[in-house]
Protein backbone atom coordinates (compact mmCIF):
# COMPACT_ATOMS: atom_id res chain seq x y z
CA MET A 1 110.68 47.95 35.88
CA THR A 2 113.53 46.51 38.43
CA LEU A 3 113.16 43.32 40.11
CA PRO A 4 113.55 42.92 43.65
CA VAL A 5 117.25 43.14 44.50
CA LEU A 6 117.30 41.23 48.09
CA SER A 7 115.38 39.01 50.05
CA GLU A 8 115.70 38.45 53.90
CA VAL A 9 114.30 35.42 55.86
CA THR A 10 114.84 37.90 59.51
CA THR A 11 112.76 40.89 60.11
CA GLY A 12 114.72 44.31 61.00
CA PHE A 13 118.14 43.56 59.61
CA HIS A 14 119.58 47.11 58.30
CA SER A 15 119.78 44.81 54.95
CA ALA A 16 116.55 44.22 55.09
CA VAL A 17 115.31 47.78 55.60
CA GLY A 18 118.10 49.57 53.31
CA ASP A 19 120.31 53.18 54.07
CA PRO A 20 118.57 55.37 56.00
CA THR A 21 118.94 58.03 53.37
CA SER A 22 116.73 55.56 50.96
CA ALA A 23 113.87 57.23 53.15
CA PRO A 24 110.95 56.91 51.99
CA VAL A 25 110.30 53.34 51.86
CA HIS A 26 107.05 51.90 51.29
CA VAL A 27 106.18 49.04 53.31
CA LEU A 28 103.71 46.10 51.82
CA GLN A 29 102.59 42.68 52.24
CA LEU A 30 101.94 39.74 49.72
CA ASP A 31 100.70 35.81 50.04
CA LEU A 32 102.04 33.56 48.02
CA ALA A 33 98.91 31.44 48.21
CA VAL A 34 97.10 34.40 46.68
CA PRO A 35 97.93 35.51 43.65
CA GLY A 36 97.65 39.39 43.40
CA SER A 37 97.12 39.89 47.00
CA LEU A 38 99.58 43.04 47.32
CA ARG A 39 98.49 44.72 50.37
CA ALA A 40 99.51 47.86 52.64
CA PRO A 41 99.53 47.38 56.66
CA GLY A 42 96.21 46.55 57.85
CA GLY A 43 95.33 44.69 54.56
CA LEU A 44 94.23 48.49 52.56
CA PRO A 45 95.17 48.79 48.88
CA PRO A 46 98.62 50.44 48.51
CA GLU A 47 99.12 53.88 48.41
CA SER A 48 101.88 53.71 46.22
CA THR A 49 103.99 51.12 44.34
CA HIS A 50 106.66 53.51 42.98
CA GLY A 51 110.52 53.72 44.39
CA ARG A 52 111.83 51.52 46.97
CA VAL A 53 109.46 49.00 48.70
CA LEU A 54 109.55 46.56 51.62
CA THR A 55 107.34 44.12 51.79
CA LEU A 56 106.29 41.13 54.24
CA VAL A 57 105.62 37.92 52.68
CA ARG A 58 103.42 35.59 54.02
CA LEU A 59 101.91 32.38 52.94
CA ASP A 60 98.31 30.87 53.69
CA GLY A 61 98.62 33.80 56.30
CA HIS A 62 101.60 32.77 57.58
CA PRO A 63 104.59 35.60 57.89
CA ILE A 64 108.01 33.93 56.46
CA GLY A 65 110.56 36.84 55.65
CA TRP A 66 111.10 40.27 53.79
CA VAL A 67 111.72 41.10 50.38
CA ARG A 68 112.69 44.15 49.35
CA ALA A 69 112.74 46.05 45.74
CA THR A 70 113.35 49.16 43.55
CA VAL A 71 110.27 49.71 41.44
CA ASP A 72 110.03 51.81 38.83
CA HIS A 73 106.79 50.63 37.36
CA GLN A 74 103.70 51.40 39.59
CA ASP A 75 101.47 48.23 38.25
CA PRO A 76 100.78 45.77 40.96
CA ASP A 77 99.79 43.25 39.93
CA ASP A 78 103.15 43.29 37.73
CA LEU A 79 104.98 44.14 41.31
CA TYR A 80 103.25 41.08 43.02
CA ARG A 81 104.57 38.71 40.68
CA ALA A 82 108.15 39.75 40.81
CA LEU A 83 108.08 39.61 44.59
CA ALA A 84 107.20 36.48 44.87
CA ASP A 85 109.06 34.94 41.98
CA THR A 86 111.85 36.23 44.20
CA ALA A 87 110.39 35.50 47.44
CA ARG A 88 110.01 31.38 46.12
CA ARG A 89 113.17 31.57 45.04
CA GLY A 90 114.96 33.10 48.32
CA PHE A 91 112.83 31.32 51.31
CA PRO A 92 112.01 28.02 51.92
CA VAL A 93 108.47 27.61 51.82
CA PRO A 94 106.71 25.03 54.44
CA ALA A 95 103.43 23.63 54.29
CA PRO A 96 101.71 25.36 57.82
CA ALA A 97 99.74 23.11 59.52
CA VAL A 98 96.88 25.22 59.43
CA PRO A 99 96.82 27.94 57.38
CA ALA A 100 96.46 31.41 59.07
CA VAL A 101 94.13 32.65 56.19
CA GLU A 102 91.75 29.88 57.59
CA LEU A 103 92.35 31.28 60.83
CA ALA A 104 91.46 34.74 59.71
CA HIS A 105 88.09 33.67 58.54
CA ARG A 106 86.94 30.96 61.05
CA ARG A 107 84.01 31.65 63.49
CA PRO A 108 84.89 29.59 66.89
CA ASP A 109 81.78 30.04 68.70
CA ASP A 110 83.00 28.55 71.25
CA GLY A 111 85.81 30.44 71.61
CA PRO A 112 86.66 32.86 74.64
CA LEU A 113 85.49 36.68 75.20
CA VAL A 114 88.88 38.68 74.46
CA SER A 115 89.07 41.90 75.48
CA VAL A 116 91.15 44.10 73.37
CA ILE A 117 92.34 47.19 75.88
CA VAL A 118 94.22 50.52 73.70
CA CYS A 119 95.73 53.02 75.90
CA THR A 120 95.84 56.20 74.85
CA ARG A 121 96.82 60.44 75.71
CA ASP A 122 96.28 63.04 73.60
CA ARG A 123 97.09 61.46 70.12
CA THR A 124 94.20 61.93 68.56
CA PRO A 125 94.81 62.30 64.95
CA MET A 126 96.09 58.77 64.50
CA LEU A 127 93.63 57.07 66.72
CA GLY A 128 91.69 56.11 64.37
CA ALA A 129 93.14 54.27 62.02
CA CYS A 130 94.29 52.39 65.08
CA LEU A 131 90.31 51.57 66.36
CA ASP A 132 88.96 51.31 62.46
CA SER A 133 91.30 48.17 61.97
CA ILE A 134 90.44 46.64 65.61
CA LEU A 135 86.84 47.33 64.36
CA ARG A 136 87.77 45.14 61.01
CA LEU A 137 88.80 42.07 63.23
CA ARG A 138 87.40 38.70 62.48
CA TYR A 139 87.14 37.34 66.01
CA PRO A 140 83.37 37.06 66.97
CA HIS A 141 83.71 37.14 70.78
CA LEU A 142 85.02 40.34 71.23
CA GLU A 143 85.09 43.65 73.47
CA VAL A 144 87.07 46.59 72.77
CA ILE A 145 88.01 48.79 75.36
CA LEU A 146 89.48 52.71 74.85
CA VAL A 147 91.44 54.21 77.82
CA ASP A 148 91.87 57.61 78.01
CA ASN A 149 94.73 58.41 79.56
CA ALA A 150 94.80 61.93 81.74
CA PRO A 151 93.65 63.78 78.73
CA ALA A 152 94.13 67.61 77.90
CA SER A 153 90.57 67.63 76.08
CA ASP A 154 87.31 66.05 75.46
CA ALA A 155 88.85 65.08 71.34
CA THR A 156 89.38 61.57 72.12
CA ARG A 157 85.94 61.19 74.22
CA GLU A 158 84.33 63.05 71.19
CA LEU A 159 85.92 60.88 68.34
CA VAL A 160 84.26 57.51 69.78
CA ARG A 161 80.92 59.03 70.94
CA THR A 162 80.79 60.46 66.94
CA ARG A 163 82.63 57.65 65.72
CA TYR A 164 81.98 54.67 67.14
CA GLY A 165 79.10 54.54 69.38
CA ASP A 166 78.73 51.73 71.68
CA ARG A 167 81.04 49.68 69.72
CA ILE A 168 83.53 50.90 71.82
CA ARG A 169 83.48 51.33 76.19
CA TYR A 170 85.34 54.68 76.69
CA LEU A 171 86.98 54.75 79.80
CA ASN A 172 89.20 58.12 81.61
CA GLU A 173 92.18 57.09 83.48
CA PRO A 174 92.61 60.67 85.42
CA VAL A 175 96.20 59.27 86.75
CA PRO A 176 99.01 59.88 84.23
CA GLY A 177 100.88 56.69 82.87
CA LEU A 178 100.64 53.75 80.94
CA SER A 179 100.40 51.00 83.32
CA TRP A 180 97.72 53.25 85.01
CA ALA A 181 95.47 53.22 81.91
CA ARG A 182 96.20 49.31 81.49
CA ASN A 183 95.29 48.30 84.86
CA HIS A 184 91.75 50.85 84.24
CA GLY A 185 91.76 48.61 81.12
CA LEU A 186 91.81 45.47 83.07
CA ALA A 187 89.71 45.83 85.77
CA ALA A 188 87.40 46.73 83.47
CA ALA A 189 87.41 43.68 81.18
CA ARG A 190 85.07 41.46 80.59
CA GLY A 191 87.15 38.38 78.62
CA GLU A 192 89.09 35.57 79.76
CA ILE A 193 91.57 37.26 77.49
CA CYS A 194 92.51 40.69 77.44
CA ALA A 195 94.61 41.64 74.61
CA PHE A 196 96.52 44.77 74.70
CA THR A 197 97.92 46.78 71.97
CA ASP A 198 99.30 50.87 71.03
CA ASP A 199 97.05 53.79 69.67
CA ASP A 200 100.17 53.84 67.08
CA VAL A 201 99.27 51.10 65.54
CA ILE A 202 97.60 48.96 62.86
CA VAL A 203 96.27 45.25 63.78
CA ASP A 204 95.98 42.48 60.85
CA ASP A 205 92.64 41.09 60.77
CA ALA A 206 93.88 37.89 62.23
CA TRP A 207 95.74 39.14 65.09
CA VAL A 208 93.20 38.38 67.96
CA THR A 209 92.38 34.49 66.03
CA ALA A 210 96.35 34.12 66.15
CA LEU A 211 96.90 35.52 69.53
CA VAL A 212 93.88 33.10 71.03
CA ASP A 213 95.68 29.91 69.02
CA GLY A 214 98.89 30.70 70.46
CA PHE A 215 97.07 29.91 73.84
CA THR A 216 96.45 26.55 72.58
CA THR A 217 99.95 25.64 72.19
CA ASP A 218 100.93 25.07 75.44
CA ALA A 219 98.17 24.04 78.59
CA ARG A 220 100.08 26.32 80.26
CA ALA A 221 100.13 29.33 78.41
CA ALA A 222 99.04 32.46 80.42
CA CYS A 223 100.97 34.99 77.72
CA VAL A 224 100.96 35.38 74.01
CA THR A 225 102.90 37.90 72.26
CA GLY A 226 103.44 38.76 68.38
CA LEU A 227 104.95 39.86 65.38
CA VAL A 228 105.39 43.80 65.09
CA ALA A 229 106.54 44.93 62.11
CA PRO A 230 107.12 48.89 60.73
CA ALA A 231 103.95 50.41 59.77
CA GLU A 232 105.77 52.84 57.65
CA LEU A 233 109.36 53.98 56.58
CA ASP A 234 108.96 57.35 55.81
CA THR A 235 111.62 59.21 57.34
CA GLU A 236 115.48 58.82 58.26
CA ALA A 237 114.63 58.09 62.26
CA GLN A 238 111.86 55.22 61.25
CA LEU A 239 114.57 53.27 59.20
CA THR A 240 117.16 53.69 61.93
CA LEU A 241 115.13 52.34 64.73
CA GLU A 242 113.72 49.79 62.25
CA ALA A 243 117.82 49.02 61.80
CA TYR A 244 118.62 49.44 65.48
CA ALA A 245 116.55 48.04 67.33
CA PRO A 246 113.54 45.81 65.78
CA ALA A 247 110.34 44.99 67.48
CA GLY A 248 109.87 42.07 65.88
CA ARG A 249 111.10 39.04 67.25
CA GLY A 250 111.30 36.70 63.92
CA PHE A 251 108.95 34.13 62.19
CA THR A 252 109.29 31.09 64.42
CA LEU A 253 106.37 30.26 66.86
CA ARG A 254 108.32 29.80 69.98
CA THR A 255 107.52 29.01 74.07
CA TRP A 256 109.35 29.78 77.45
CA THR A 257 108.79 28.15 80.69
CA LEU A 258 111.33 27.93 83.40
CA ASP A 259 110.82 24.06 83.87
CA GLY A 260 114.68 23.63 83.11
CA THR A 261 113.84 23.14 79.25
CA ASP A 262 115.75 26.60 78.55
CA THR A 263 119.45 26.10 78.90
CA ASP A 264 119.57 30.11 78.69
CA GLY A 265 120.15 31.22 82.28
CA LEU A 266 119.34 34.62 81.66
CA ALA A 267 115.45 34.11 80.08
CA GLN A 268 113.90 35.10 83.19
CA PHE A 269 115.46 38.52 82.82
CA SER A 270 115.92 39.09 79.34
CA THR A 271 112.16 39.09 78.62
CA GLY A 272 112.63 41.84 75.78
CA ARG A 273 112.84 38.71 73.55
CA PHE A 274 109.26 37.50 74.58
CA GLY A 275 107.63 40.59 72.31
CA SER A 276 106.54 43.59 73.19
CA GLY A 277 103.58 45.63 74.55
CA ALA A 278 102.52 46.51 71.39
CA SER A 279 101.06 43.21 70.81
CA MET A 280 100.36 40.66 73.70
CA ALA A 281 97.86 39.27 75.22
CA PHE A 282 97.29 37.46 78.59
CA ARG A 283 94.72 35.07 80.77
CA THR A 284 92.57 37.74 82.92
CA ASP A 285 92.98 35.92 85.55
CA VAL A 286 96.57 35.90 85.59
CA LEU A 287 97.65 38.96 84.93
CA ARG A 288 94.88 39.66 87.86
CA GLY A 289 96.79 37.68 90.14
CA VAL A 290 100.23 39.11 89.34
CA GLY A 291 99.19 42.43 90.01
CA GLY A 292 98.48 43.76 86.89
CA PHE A 293 100.97 46.22 85.51
CA ASP A 294 103.43 48.30 88.03
CA ARG A 295 102.52 51.72 88.14
CA ALA A 296 105.52 52.95 88.73
CA ALA A 297 106.78 51.58 85.49
CA GLY A 298 106.13 52.24 82.09
CA ALA A 299 105.80 55.22 79.35
CA GLY A 300 104.39 58.36 81.29
CA SER A 301 106.22 57.81 84.84
CA PRO A 302 110.23 58.93 85.55
CA ALA A 303 110.90 55.15 84.88
CA ARG A 304 109.88 55.37 81.21
CA GLY A 305 108.98 52.02 80.32
CA GLY A 306 109.10 48.06 81.48
CA GLU A 307 105.95 47.52 82.80
CA ASP A 308 105.38 44.87 79.66
CA LEU A 309 108.62 43.47 80.64
CA LEU A 310 107.90 43.07 84.19
CA ALA A 311 104.76 41.25 83.44
CA PHE A 312 106.22 38.55 81.24
CA GLN A 313 108.69 37.62 83.65
CA GLN A 314 106.24 38.14 86.73
CA VAL A 315 104.08 35.66 84.51
CA LEU A 316 106.87 33.28 83.46
CA THR A 317 108.29 33.28 87.33
CA ALA A 318 104.60 32.36 88.51
CA GLY A 319 105.08 28.84 86.95
CA HIS A 320 103.47 30.20 83.21
CA THR A 321 104.36 29.07 79.73
CA VAL A 322 105.16 32.66 77.25
CA VAL A 323 104.60 31.74 73.74
CA TYR A 324 105.60 34.37 70.53
CA GLN A 325 103.24 33.77 68.20
CA PRO A 326 104.43 35.35 64.91
CA ASP A 327 101.25 34.82 63.03
CA ALA A 328 99.67 37.85 65.48
CA VAL A 329 100.49 41.06 63.49
CA VAL A 330 100.35 44.57 64.01
CA TRP A 331 101.91 47.11 62.06
CA HIS A 332 103.21 49.74 64.52
CA ARG A 333 104.15 53.45 63.20
CA HIS A 334 107.65 54.87 64.72
CA ARG A 335 108.36 58.00 65.36
CA ARG A 336 109.14 60.35 62.54
CA THR A 337 112.28 62.40 63.96
CA MET A 338 115.85 61.58 64.87
CA ASP A 339 115.09 63.91 68.22
CA ALA A 340 111.88 61.49 69.23
CA LEU A 341 113.76 58.75 68.24
CA THR A 342 117.10 59.54 70.81
CA ARG A 343 114.05 60.05 73.49
CA GLN A 344 112.65 56.49 72.98
CA ILE A 345 116.29 54.71 73.11
CA SER A 346 117.17 56.55 76.35
CA ALA A 347 114.05 55.29 77.27
CA PHE A 348 114.63 52.24 76.31
CA GLY A 349 117.57 51.35 78.34
CA VAL A 350 116.11 53.60 81.44
CA GLY A 351 113.05 50.88 81.22
CA PHE A 352 115.42 47.73 81.41
CA GLY A 353 116.83 49.33 83.92
CA ALA A 354 114.09 50.07 86.26
CA TYR A 355 112.38 46.44 85.33
CA LEU A 356 114.90 44.60 86.51
CA THR A 357 114.73 46.75 89.79
CA ALA A 358 111.08 46.27 90.35
CA ALA A 359 111.74 42.18 89.58
CA VAL A 360 113.95 41.82 92.33
CA MET A 361 112.57 44.35 94.24
CA ARG A 362 109.58 41.77 94.35
CA ARG A 363 111.28 39.23 94.63
CA PRO A 364 114.28 39.32 96.96
CA GLY A 365 115.59 36.27 96.12
CA LEU A 366 116.56 37.21 92.46
CA LEU A 367 119.38 39.27 93.24
CA LEU A 368 121.65 36.72 93.59
CA VAL A 369 120.98 35.05 90.68
CA LEU A 370 120.97 38.43 88.68
CA LEU A 371 124.60 39.03 90.24
CA ARG A 372 126.08 35.79 88.90
CA ARG A 373 124.22 36.06 85.40
CA LEU A 374 124.39 40.32 84.84
CA PRO A 375 127.81 40.06 83.82
CA SER A 376 127.58 37.24 81.15
CA GLY A 377 124.42 39.33 79.94
CA VAL A 378 126.19 42.43 79.61
CA TRP A 379 128.70 41.26 77.97
CA ARG A 380 126.92 39.63 75.24
CA TRP A 381 124.69 41.96 75.27
CA HIS A 382 127.93 44.47 74.48
CA GLN A 383 128.94 42.13 71.63
CA ALA A 384 126.09 41.63 69.76
CA ALA A 385 125.65 45.82 69.84
CA ARG A 386 129.50 45.70 68.80
CA LYS A 387 128.49 43.55 66.03
CA ARG A 388 125.66 45.30 64.73
CA THR A 389 127.17 48.35 64.59
CA ARG A 390 130.27 47.56 62.70
CA GLY A 391 128.29 45.03 60.49
CA ALA A 392 125.30 48.51 59.38
CA PRO A 393 126.20 50.02 56.28
CA PRO A 394 128.38 53.29 56.99
CA GLY A 395 124.85 55.70 56.61
CA TYR A 396 124.36 53.90 60.63
CA GLN A 397 126.98 53.18 62.22
CA GLY A 398 127.73 56.93 63.84
CA ALA A 399 123.76 56.79 64.75
CA PHE A 400 124.20 53.19 66.38
CA ARG A 401 127.31 54.39 68.39
CA SER A 402 125.57 57.16 69.62
CA LEU A 403 122.16 55.34 70.72
CA LYS A 404 124.52 52.25 71.83
CA ARG A 405 125.86 55.08 74.36
CA LEU A 406 122.39 56.50 75.19
CA GLU A 407 120.75 53.31 75.91
CA ARG A 408 123.50 52.46 78.31
CA ARG A 409 123.47 55.77 80.12
CA GLY A 410 119.77 54.89 80.30
CA PHE A 411 120.35 51.45 82.12
CA LEU A 412 122.59 53.01 84.55
CA TYR A 413 119.91 55.65 85.56
CA GLY A 414 117.21 52.74 85.20
CA PRO A 415 117.51 51.67 89.22
CA PHE A 416 117.33 55.29 90.68
CA CYS A 417 114.42 56.57 88.14
CA TYR A 418 112.22 53.70 89.44
CA LEU A 419 112.83 54.48 93.52
CA VAL A 420 111.95 57.94 92.45
CA SER A 421 108.33 56.97 90.55
CA LEU A 422 108.01 54.55 93.21
CA ARG A 423 107.59 57.14 95.65
CA THR A 424 105.93 59.09 92.90
CA GLN A 425 103.47 56.26 91.99
CA ARG A 426 101.99 55.75 95.73
CA ARG A 427 101.30 59.85 95.89
CA ALA A 428 99.57 59.35 93.12
CA ALA A 429 97.22 56.42 94.19
CA ARG A 430 96.56 58.18 97.94
CA THR A 431 95.19 61.18 96.19
CA ARG A 432 93.54 59.67 92.82
CA ALA A 433 89.72 60.01 93.10
CA PRO A 434 87.65 57.00 94.37
CA GLY A 435 86.40 54.85 91.38
């Protein structure tokens, strides 16, 4: 067996995922406090420990970094020891106050009811893995809501009926659009907290427990996001996305408010740093109070995204705290083809431009603030993207330049797309059947 060749403390850098020609890379996880705990995403036994592997390293359940290895031997115990030894040499090993393993097994009888809301549209084949992982959650006070968004067939309804029965509440939202589906789930939720994830993820067994724990870090916390890790890196497109735009936000718990303690004046606009819609939770009454998700934003609308960023921003500007809790891990299955990846990156740009437009339309007073701070924000984004491209391995540099152009072009289209979407969604709201 070849010992691990690299350790990285920060998720998503190209040095952690390797060159795009190295696909496939098998994604694993281990816990330094649990000998022999080498597992695949979601806690399942690994399908393969041969070839290139990228391993999320944890300590007592808390994620602390990545280790990459090239393996020519398939014994999981040997691989665990080699990866763990490399991690201990390469990472600072803190002593967590509350082990996440303990959190995963704790059954807080007085904990709040959490409504887990999953929205899907005609992706029945991959949905089962997501729902199975949610039903493995150890948190005791849970309801699971599946919103089927404008389905083309009854396949998803039949999956829920035959495989899950009354363990999952099935809802049908006839108007296409992710925000329509999320708002339908939000309206039906009975929980004090509503947690959202996507149909292409596998959730960690402590995901909800860690989200709930995040609300205790600050009495004003009204939104908690979590770490989004890649579930698979089987193709060039998946490796490229994880290198160019990783969904993970690191391994340190963070909070944001607008009380003057955050020195970054762009915090209320650059809410993408808080997390993403694949792993987010809100106090239900607060999210309802800010109007839920903007139906003119999000996947399935001309705006193509940005509804999660706008929800973060609305919660923040309403005076609440947003928390990033890295212990709340979900594993995301990235787009597998380069065509799908380019459409996604373009949507990122469009969605961000749409989000800023929506934020200003809701609070016109933000326009002057945005105009003062946008030039420096754009310059910083450009410099960061330029540095990332220059520092990328040769196999990524051409793709990075192309994706950056697509994202920038999409951003410029974003305001127009949002206005078109606003008109479209208003028409849809008038024609939607009551109830």
